[in-house]
PDB file of all heavy atoms in Angstrom:
ATOM      1  N   ASN A   1     -12.079   5.717   9.182  1.00  0.00           N
ATOM      2  CA  ASN A   1     -10.919   5.520   9.985  1.00  0.00           C
ATOM      3  C   ASN A   1     -10.850   4.163  10.656  1.00  0.00           C
ATOM      4  O   ASN A   1      -9.882   3.500  10.818  1.00  0.00           O
ATOM      5  CB  ASN A   1     -10.948   6.622  11.065  1.00  0.00           C
ATOM      6  CG  ASN A   1     -10.570   8.036  10.513  1.00  0.00           C
ATOM      7  OD1 ASN A   1     -10.074   8.062   9.329  1.00  0.00           O
ATOM      8  ND2 ASN A   1     -10.894   9.038  11.154  1.00  0.00           N
ATOM      9  N   ILE A   2     -12.117   3.734  11.101  1.00  0.00           N
ATOM     10  CA  ILE A   2     -12.154   2.386  11.665  1.00  0.00           C
ATOM     11  C   ILE A   2     -11.862   1.319  10.634  1.00  0.00           C
ATOM     12  O   ILE A   2     -11.128   0.394  10.925  1.00  0.00           O
ATOM     13  CB  ILE A   2     -13.604   2.135  12.345  1.00  0.00           C
ATOM     14  CG1 ILE A   2     -13.692   3.062  13.459  1.00  0.00           C
ATOM     15  CG2 ILE A   2     -13.812   0.692  12.722  1.00  0.00           C
ATOM     16  CD1 ILE A   2     -15.159   3.121  14.110  1.00  0.00           C
ATOM     17  N   SER A   3     -12.395   1.450   9.402  1.00  0.00           N
ATOM     18  CA  SER A   3     -12.085   0.506   8.377  1.00  0.00           C
ATOM     19  C   SER A   3     -10.576   0.472   8.016  1.00  0.00           C
ATOM     20  O   SER A   3      -9.997  -0.636   7.858  1.00  0.00           O
ATOM     21  CB  SER A   3     -12.849   0.846   7.059  1.00  0.00           C
ATOM     22  OG  SER A   3     -14.198   0.881   7.278  1.00  0.00           O
ATOM     23  N   LEU A   4      -9.931   1.596   7.951  1.00  0.00           N
ATOM     24  CA  LEU A   4      -8.467   1.657   7.802  1.00  0.00           C
ATOM     25  C   LEU A   4      -7.655   1.140   8.873  1.00  0.00           C
ATOM     26  O   LEU A   4      -6.719   0.429   8.632  1.00  0.00           O
ATOM     27  CB  LEU A   4      -8.050   3.170   7.463  1.00  0.00           C
ATOM     28  CG  LEU A   4      -8.553   3.785   6.172  1.00  0.00           C
ATOM     29  CD1 LEU A   4      -8.145   5.219   6.157  1.00  0.00           C
ATOM     30  CD2 LEU A   4      -8.093   3.042   5.011  1.00  0.00           C
ATOM     31  N   LEU A   5      -8.130   1.349  10.092  1.00  0.00           N
ATOM     32  CA  LEU A   5      -7.487   0.754  11.196  1.00  0.00           C
ATOM     33  C   LEU A   5      -7.543  -0.757  11.142  1.00  0.00           C
ATOM     34  O   LEU A   5      -6.518  -1.441  11.321  1.00  0.00           O
ATOM     35  CB  LEU A   5      -8.164   1.146  12.565  1.00  0.00           C
ATOM     36  CG  LEU A   5      -7.619   0.638  13.770  1.00  0.00           C
ATOM     37  CD1 LEU A   5      -6.235   1.049  14.131  1.00  0.00           C
ATOM     38  CD2 LEU A   5      -8.499   0.861  14.998  1.00  0.00           C
ATOM     39  N   ILE A   6      -8.673  -1.362  10.867  1.00  0.00           N
ATOM     40  CA  ILE A   6      -8.919  -2.763  10.788  1.00  0.00           C
ATOM     41  C   ILE A   6      -7.980  -3.380   9.611  1.00  0.00           C
ATOM     42  O   ILE A   6      -7.272  -4.370   9.858  1.00  0.00           O
ATOM     43  CB  ILE A   6     -10.408  -3.189  10.706  1.00  0.00           C
ATOM     44  CG1 ILE A   6     -11.083  -2.880  12.018  1.00  0.00           C
ATOM     45  CG2 ILE A   6     -10.521  -4.582  10.275  1.00  0.00           C
ATOM     46  CD1 ILE A   6     -12.602  -3.014  11.959  1.00  0.00           C
ATOM     47  N   LEU A   7      -8.107  -2.667   8.521  1.00  0.00           N
ATOM     48  CA  LEU A   7      -7.240  -3.125   7.310  1.00  0.00           C
ATOM     49  C   LEU A   7      -5.758  -3.116   7.730  1.00  0.00           C
ATOM     50  O   LEU A   7      -5.022  -4.007   7.433  1.00  0.00           O
ATOM     51  CB  LEU A   7      -7.609  -2.283   6.173  1.00  0.00           C
ATOM     52  CG  LEU A   7      -6.707  -2.542   4.939  1.00  0.00           C
ATOM     53  CD1 LEU A   7      -6.937  -3.920   4.368  1.00  0.00           C
ATOM     54  CD2 LEU A   7      -7.052  -1.503   3.801  1.00  0.00           C
ATOM     55  N   SER A   8      -5.334  -1.982   8.302  1.00  0.00           N
ATOM     56  CA  SER A   8      -3.974  -1.806   8.667  1.00  0.00           C
ATOM     57  C   SER A   8      -3.462  -2.895   9.613  1.00  0.00           C
ATOM     58  O   SER A   8      -2.384  -3.460   9.375  1.00  0.00           O
ATOM     59  CB  SER A   8      -3.803  -0.450   9.299  1.00  0.00           C
ATOM     60  OG  SER A   8      -2.472  -0.258   9.854  1.00  0.00           O
ATOM     61  N   GLU A   9      -4.246  -3.108  10.661  1.00  0.00           N
ATOM     62  CA  GLU A   9      -3.831  -4.132  11.635  1.00  0.00           C
ATOM     63  C   GLU A   9      -3.878  -5.486  11.109  1.00  0.00           C
ATOM     64  O   GLU A   9      -3.086  -6.435  11.408  1.00  0.00           O
ATOM     65  CB  GLU A   9      -4.630  -3.989  12.911  1.00  0.00           C
ATOM     66  CG  GLU A   9      -4.542  -2.637  13.541  1.00  0.00           C
ATOM     67  CD  GLU A   9      -3.154  -2.018  13.506  1.00  0.00           C
ATOM     68  OE1 GLU A   9      -2.251  -2.619  14.070  1.00  0.00           O
ATOM     69  OE2 GLU A   9      -3.021  -0.886  12.973  1.00  0.00           O
ATOM     70  N   ALA A  10      -4.844  -5.782  10.209  1.00  0.00           N
ATOM     71  CA  ALA A  10      -4.997  -7.136   9.586  1.00  0.00           C
ATOM     72  C   ALA A  10      -3.631  -7.356   8.725  1.00  0.00           C
ATOM     73  O   ALA A  10      -3.100  -8.413   8.661  1.00  0.00           O
ATOM     74  CB  ALA A  10      -6.204  -7.219   8.729  1.00  0.00           C
ATOM     75  N   LEU A  11      -3.305  -6.304   7.937  1.00  0.00           N
ATOM     76  CA  LEU A  11      -2.047  -6.497   7.152  1.00  0.00           C
ATOM     77  C   LEU A  11      -0.884  -6.662   8.043  1.00  0.00           C
ATOM     78  O   LEU A  11       0.034  -7.602   7.726  1.00  0.00           O
ATOM     79  CB  LEU A  11      -1.859  -5.164   6.378  1.00  0.00           C
ATOM     80  CG  LEU A  11      -2.796  -4.933   5.162  1.00  0.00           C
ATOM     81  CD1 LEU A  11      -2.521  -3.554   4.590  1.00  0.00           C
ATOM     82  CD2 LEU A  11      -2.415  -5.989   4.043  1.00  0.00           C
ATOM     83  N   LYS A  12      -0.690  -5.997   9.140  1.00  0.00           N
ATOM     84  CA  LYS A  12       0.478  -6.115   9.942  1.00  0.00           C
ATOM     85  C   LYS A  12       0.497  -7.508  10.601  1.00  0.00           C
ATOM     86  O   LYS A  12       1.512  -8.216  10.612  1.00  0.00           O
ATOM     87  CB  LYS A  12       0.512  -5.032  11.024  1.00  0.00           C
ATOM     88  CG  LYS A  12       1.825  -5.027  11.870  1.00  0.00           C
ATOM     89  CD  LYS A  12       1.998  -3.809  12.707  1.00  0.00           C
ATOM     90  CE  LYS A  12       3.339  -3.843  13.351  1.00  0.00           C
ATOM     91  NZ  LYS A  12       3.535  -2.629  14.173  1.00  0.00           N
ATOM     92  N   ILE A  13      -0.589  -7.828  11.341  1.00  0.00           N
ATOM     93  CA  ILE A  13      -0.627  -9.138  11.935  1.00  0.00           C
ATOM     94  C   ILE A  13      -0.427 -10.323  10.992  1.00  0.00           C
ATOM     95  O   ILE A  13       0.281 -11.194  11.226  1.00  0.00           O
ATOM     96  CB  ILE A  13      -2.019  -9.256  12.721  1.00  0.00           C
ATOM     97  CG1 ILE A  13      -1.997  -8.290  13.932  1.00  0.00           C
ATOM     98  CG2 ILE A  13      -2.155 -10.719  13.252  1.00  0.00           C
ATOM     99  CD1 ILE A  13      -3.318  -8.118  14.580  1.00  0.00           C
ATOM    100  N   GLY A  14      -1.182 -10.153   9.863  1.00  0.00           N
ATOM    101  CA  GLY A  14      -0.998 -11.207   8.780  1.00  0.00           C
ATOM    102  C   GLY A  14       0.398 -11.403   8.284  1.00  0.00           C
ATOM    103  O   GLY A  14       0.964 -12.459   8.117  1.00  0.00           O
ATOM    104  N   SER A  15       1.042 -10.154   8.002  1.00  0.00           N
ATOM    105  CA  SER A  15       2.438 -10.303   7.478  1.00  0.00           C
ATOM    106  C   SER A  15       3.312 -10.786   8.515  1.00  0.00           C
ATOM    107  O   SER A  15       4.316 -11.520   8.167  1.00  0.00           O
ATOM    108  CB  SER A  15       2.886  -8.868   6.895  1.00  0.00           C
ATOM    109  OG  SER A  15       3.015  -7.989   7.998  1.00  0.00           O
ATOM    110  N   LEU A  16       3.200 -10.345   9.780  1.00  0.00           N
ATOM    111  CA  LEU A  16       4.140 -10.806  10.826  1.00  0.00           C
ATOM    112  C   LEU A  16       3.961 -12.326  11.013  1.00  0.00           C
ATOM    113  O   LEU A  16       4.892 -13.102  11.272  1.00  0.00           O
ATOM    114  CB  LEU A  16       3.913  -9.992  12.065  1.00  0.00           C
ATOM    115  CG  LEU A  16       4.382  -8.623  12.005  1.00  0.00           C
ATOM    116  CD1 LEU A  16       4.117  -7.840  13.285  1.00  0.00           C
ATOM    117  CD2 LEU A  16       5.821  -8.481  11.660  1.00  0.00           C
ATOM    118  N   ILE A  17       2.716 -12.822  11.039  1.00  0.00           N
ATOM    119  CA  ILE A  17       2.493 -14.206  11.224  1.00  0.00           C
ATOM    120  C   ILE A  17       3.037 -15.044  10.035  1.00  0.00           C
ATOM    121  O   ILE A  17       3.702 -16.091  10.310  1.00  0.00           O
ATOM    122  CB  ILE A  17       0.961 -14.538  11.371  1.00  0.00           C
ATOM    123  CG1 ILE A  17       0.541 -14.066  12.792  1.00  0.00           C
ATOM    124  CG2 ILE A  17       0.668 -16.032  11.303  1.00  0.00           C
ATOM    125  CD1 ILE A  17      -1.020 -14.068  12.983  1.00  0.00           C
ATOM    126  N   TYR A  18       2.879 -14.503   8.753  1.00  0.00           N
ATOM    127  CA  TYR A  18       3.411 -15.146   7.623  1.00  0.00           C
ATOM    128  C   TYR A  18       4.972 -15.231   7.824  1.00  0.00           C
ATOM    129  O   TYR A  18       5.529 -16.248   7.577  1.00  0.00           O
ATOM    130  CB  TYR A  18       3.114 -14.343   6.384  1.00  0.00           C
ATOM    131  CG  TYR A  18       3.814 -14.867   5.152  1.00  0.00           C
ATOM    132  CD1 TYR A  18       3.395 -15.964   4.449  1.00  0.00           C
ATOM    133  CD2 TYR A  18       4.991 -14.128   4.649  1.00  0.00           C
ATOM    134  CE1 TYR A  18       4.081 -16.492   3.368  1.00  0.00           C
ATOM    135  CE2 TYR A  18       5.657 -14.616   3.558  1.00  0.00           C
ATOM    136  CZ  TYR A  18       5.220 -15.770   2.906  1.00  0.00           C
ATOM    137  OH  TYR A  18       5.894 -16.165   1.795  1.00  0.00           O
ATOM    138  N   VAL A  19       5.606 -14.195   8.187  1.00  0.00           N
ATOM    139  CA  VAL A  19       7.083 -14.144   8.325  1.00  0.00           C
ATOM    140  C   VAL A  19       7.546 -15.128   9.411  1.00  0.00           C
ATOM    141  O   VAL A  19       8.522 -15.806   9.299  1.00  0.00           O
ATOM    142  CB  VAL A  19       7.572 -12.742   8.629  1.00  0.00           C
ATOM    143  CG1 VAL A  19       8.932 -12.708   9.110  1.00  0.00           C
ATOM    144  CG2 VAL A  19       7.466 -11.896   7.347  1.00  0.00           C
ATOM    145  N   ALA A  20       6.822 -15.117  10.531  1.00  0.00           N
ATOM    146  CA  ALA A  20       7.195 -16.012  11.628  1.00  0.00           C
ATOM    147  C   ALA A  20       7.072 -17.490  11.200  1.00  0.00           C
ATOM    148  O   ALA A  20       7.863 -18.313  11.563  1.00  0.00           O
ATOM    149  CB  ALA A  20       6.263 -15.686  12.806  1.00  0.00           C
ATOM    150  N   LYS A  21       6.091 -17.841  10.346  1.00  0.00           N
ATOM    151  CA  LYS A  21       5.974 -19.216   9.995  1.00  0.00           C
ATOM    152  C   LYS A  21       6.833 -19.616   8.788  1.00  0.00           C
ATOM    153  O   LYS A  21       7.482 -20.671   8.917  1.00  0.00           O
ATOM    154  CB  LYS A  21       4.405 -19.446   9.610  1.00  0.00           C
ATOM    155  CG  LYS A  21       3.579 -19.534  10.734  1.00  0.00           C
ATOM    156  CD  LYS A  21       2.167 -19.879  10.297  1.00  0.00           C
ATOM    157  CE  LYS A  21       1.231 -19.996  11.484  1.00  0.00           C
ATOM    158  NZ  LYS A  21      -0.169 -20.371  11.014  1.00  0.00           N
ATOM    159  N   LYS A  22       7.028 -18.741   7.886  1.00  0.00           N
ATOM    160  CA  LYS A  22       7.724 -19.056   6.631  1.00  0.00           C
ATOM    161  C   LYS A  22       9.191 -18.825   6.636  1.00  0.00           C
ATOM    162  O   LYS A  22      10.030 -19.371   6.051  1.00  0.00           O
ATOM    163  CB  LYS A  22       7.139 -18.365   5.392  1.00  0.00           C
ATOM    164  CG  LYS A  22       5.706 -18.706   5.161  1.00  0.00           C
ATOM    165  CD  LYS A  22       5.646 -20.137   4.643  1.00  0.00           C
ATOM    166  CE  LYS A  22       4.183 -20.387   4.223  1.00  0.00           C
ATOM    167  NZ  LYS A  22       3.978 -21.786   3.801  1.00  0.00           N
ATOM    168  N   HIS A  23       9.528 -17.750   7.520  1.00  0.00           N
ATOM    169  CA  HIS A  23      11.003 -17.457   7.645  1.00  0.00           C
ATOM    170  C   HIS A  23      11.324 -17.277   9.102  1.00  0.00           C
ATOM    171  O   HIS A  23      11.602 -16.188   9.692  1.00  0.00           O
ATOM    172  CB  HIS A  23      11.231 -15.968   6.940  1.00  0.00           C
ATOM    173  CG  HIS A  23      10.810 -16.011   5.534  1.00  0.00           C
ATOM    174  ND1 HIS A  23      11.620 -16.514   4.558  1.00  0.00           N
ATOM    175  CD2 HIS A  23       9.704 -15.620   4.921  1.00  0.00           C
ATOM    176  CE1 HIS A  23      10.952 -16.439   3.430  1.00  0.00           C
ATOM    177  NE2 HIS A  23       9.777 -15.835   3.630  1.00  0.00           N
ATOM    178  N   PRO A  24      11.488 -18.403   9.852  1.00  0.00           N
ATOM    179  CA  PRO A  24      11.848 -18.336  11.229  1.00  0.00           C
ATOM    180  C   PRO A  24      13.178 -17.838  11.409  1.00  0.00           C
ATOM    181  O   PRO A  24      14.079 -17.878  10.529  1.00  0.00           O
ATOM    182  CB  PRO A  24      11.636 -19.821  11.672  1.00  0.00           C
ATOM    183  CG  PRO A  24      11.816 -20.609  10.388  1.00  0.00           C
ATOM    184  CD  PRO A  24      11.253 -19.801   9.382  1.00  0.00           C
ATOM    185  N   ILE A  25      13.517 -17.355  12.623  1.00  0.00           N
ATOM    186  CA  ILE A  25      14.770 -16.787  12.883  1.00  0.00           C
ATOM    187  C   ILE A  25      15.725 -17.877  13.031  1.00  0.00           C
ATOM    188  O   ILE A  25      15.510 -18.846  13.748  1.00  0.00           O
ATOM    189  CB  ILE A  25      14.655 -16.000  14.219  1.00  0.00           C
ATOM    190  CG1 ILE A  25      13.817 -14.782  13.995  1.00  0.00           C
ATOM    191  CG2 ILE A  25      16.090 -15.455  14.604  1.00  0.00           C
ATOM    192  CD1 ILE A  25      13.369 -14.152  15.337  1.00  0.00           C
ATOM    193  N   LYS A  26      16.857 -17.754  12.316  1.00  0.00           N
ATOM    194  CA  LYS A  26      18.008 -18.759  12.427  1.00  0.00           C
ATOM    195  C   LYS A  26      19.004 -18.291  13.487  1.00  0.00           C
ATOM    196  O   LYS A  26      19.555 -17.188  13.230  1.00  0.00           O
ATOM    197  CB  LYS A  26      18.597 -18.985  11.056  1.00  0.00           C
ATOM    198  CG  LYS A  26      17.565 -19.521  10.116  1.00  0.00           C
ATOM    199  CD  LYS A  26      18.249 -19.687   8.717  1.00  0.00           C
ATOM    200  CE  LYS A  26      17.139 -20.225   7.775  1.00  0.00           C
ATOM    201  NZ  LYS A  26      17.502 -20.064   6.368  1.00  0.00           N
ATOM    202  N   ARG A  27      19.182 -18.995  14.537  1.00  0.00           N
ATOM    203  CA  ARG A  27      20.098 -18.593  15.541  1.00  0.00           C
ATOM    204  C   ARG A  27      21.496 -19.090  15.244  1.00  0.00           C
ATOM    205  O   ARG A  27      21.656 -20.226  14.842  1.00  0.00           O
ATOM    206  CB  ARG A  27      19.652 -19.122  16.929  1.00  0.00           C
ATOM    207  CG  ARG A  27      18.387 -18.772  17.332  1.00  0.00           C
ATOM    208  CD  ARG A  27      18.512 -17.507  18.169  1.00  0.00           C
ATOM    209  NE  ARG A  27      17.147 -17.051  18.388  1.00  0.00           N
ATOM    210  CZ  ARG A  27      16.862 -16.127  19.256  1.00  0.00           C
ATOM    211  NH1 ARG A  27      17.787 -15.683  20.015  1.00  0.00           N
ATOM    212  NH2 ARG A  27      15.644 -15.639  19.443  1.00  0.00           N
ATOM    213  N   ASP A  28      22.459 -18.229  15.364  1.00  0.00           N
ATOM    214  CA  ASP A  28      23.891 -18.713  15.202  1.00  0.00           C
ATOM    215  C   ASP A  28      24.311 -19.337  16.462  1.00  0.00           C
ATOM    216  O   ASP A  28      23.743 -19.202  17.487  1.00  0.00           O
ATOM    217  CB  ASP A  28      24.801 -17.568  14.842  1.00  0.00           C
ATOM    218  CG  ASP A  28      24.468 -16.815  13.513  1.00  0.00           C
ATOM    219  OD1 ASP A  28      23.862 -17.622  12.664  1.00  0.00           O
ATOM    220  OD2 ASP A  28      24.791 -15.657  13.265  1.00  0.00           O
ATOM    221  N   GLU A  29      25.424 -20.102  16.441  1.00  0.00           N
ATOM    222  CA  GLU A  29      25.960 -20.647  17.621  1.00  0.00           C
ATOM    223  C   GLU A  29      26.312 -19.602  18.592  1.00  0.00           C
ATOM    224  O   GLU A  29      26.171 -19.654  19.748  1.00  0.00           O
ATOM    225  CB  GLU A  29      27.188 -21.483  17.205  1.00  0.00           C
ATOM    226  CG  GLU A  29      26.943 -22.704  16.425  1.00  0.00           C
ATOM    227  CD  GLU A  29      26.159 -23.843  17.268  1.00  0.00           C
ATOM    228  OE1 GLU A  29      26.572 -23.919  18.416  1.00  0.00           O
ATOM    229  OE2 GLU A  29      25.346 -24.484  16.729  1.00  0.00           O
ATOM    230  N   SER A  30      26.864 -18.468  18.096  1.00  0.00           N
ATOM    231  CA  SER A  30      27.316 -17.422  18.967  1.00  0.00           C
ATOM    232  C   SER A  30      26.191 -16.745  19.687  1.00  0.00           C
ATOM    233  O   SER A  30      26.302 -16.211  20.786  1.00  0.00           O
ATOM    234  CB  SER A  30      28.142 -16.378  18.277  1.00  0.00           C
ATOM    235  OG  SER A  30      27.329 -15.767  17.171  1.00  0.00           O
TER     236      SER A  30
END
């Protein structure tokens, strides 16, 4: 369970950091 928790959170944090860096949010004028 601890191993799955660490793997799970590493996947989430890694994917979110990847998305934040590679695909930043584009704000519209509105």
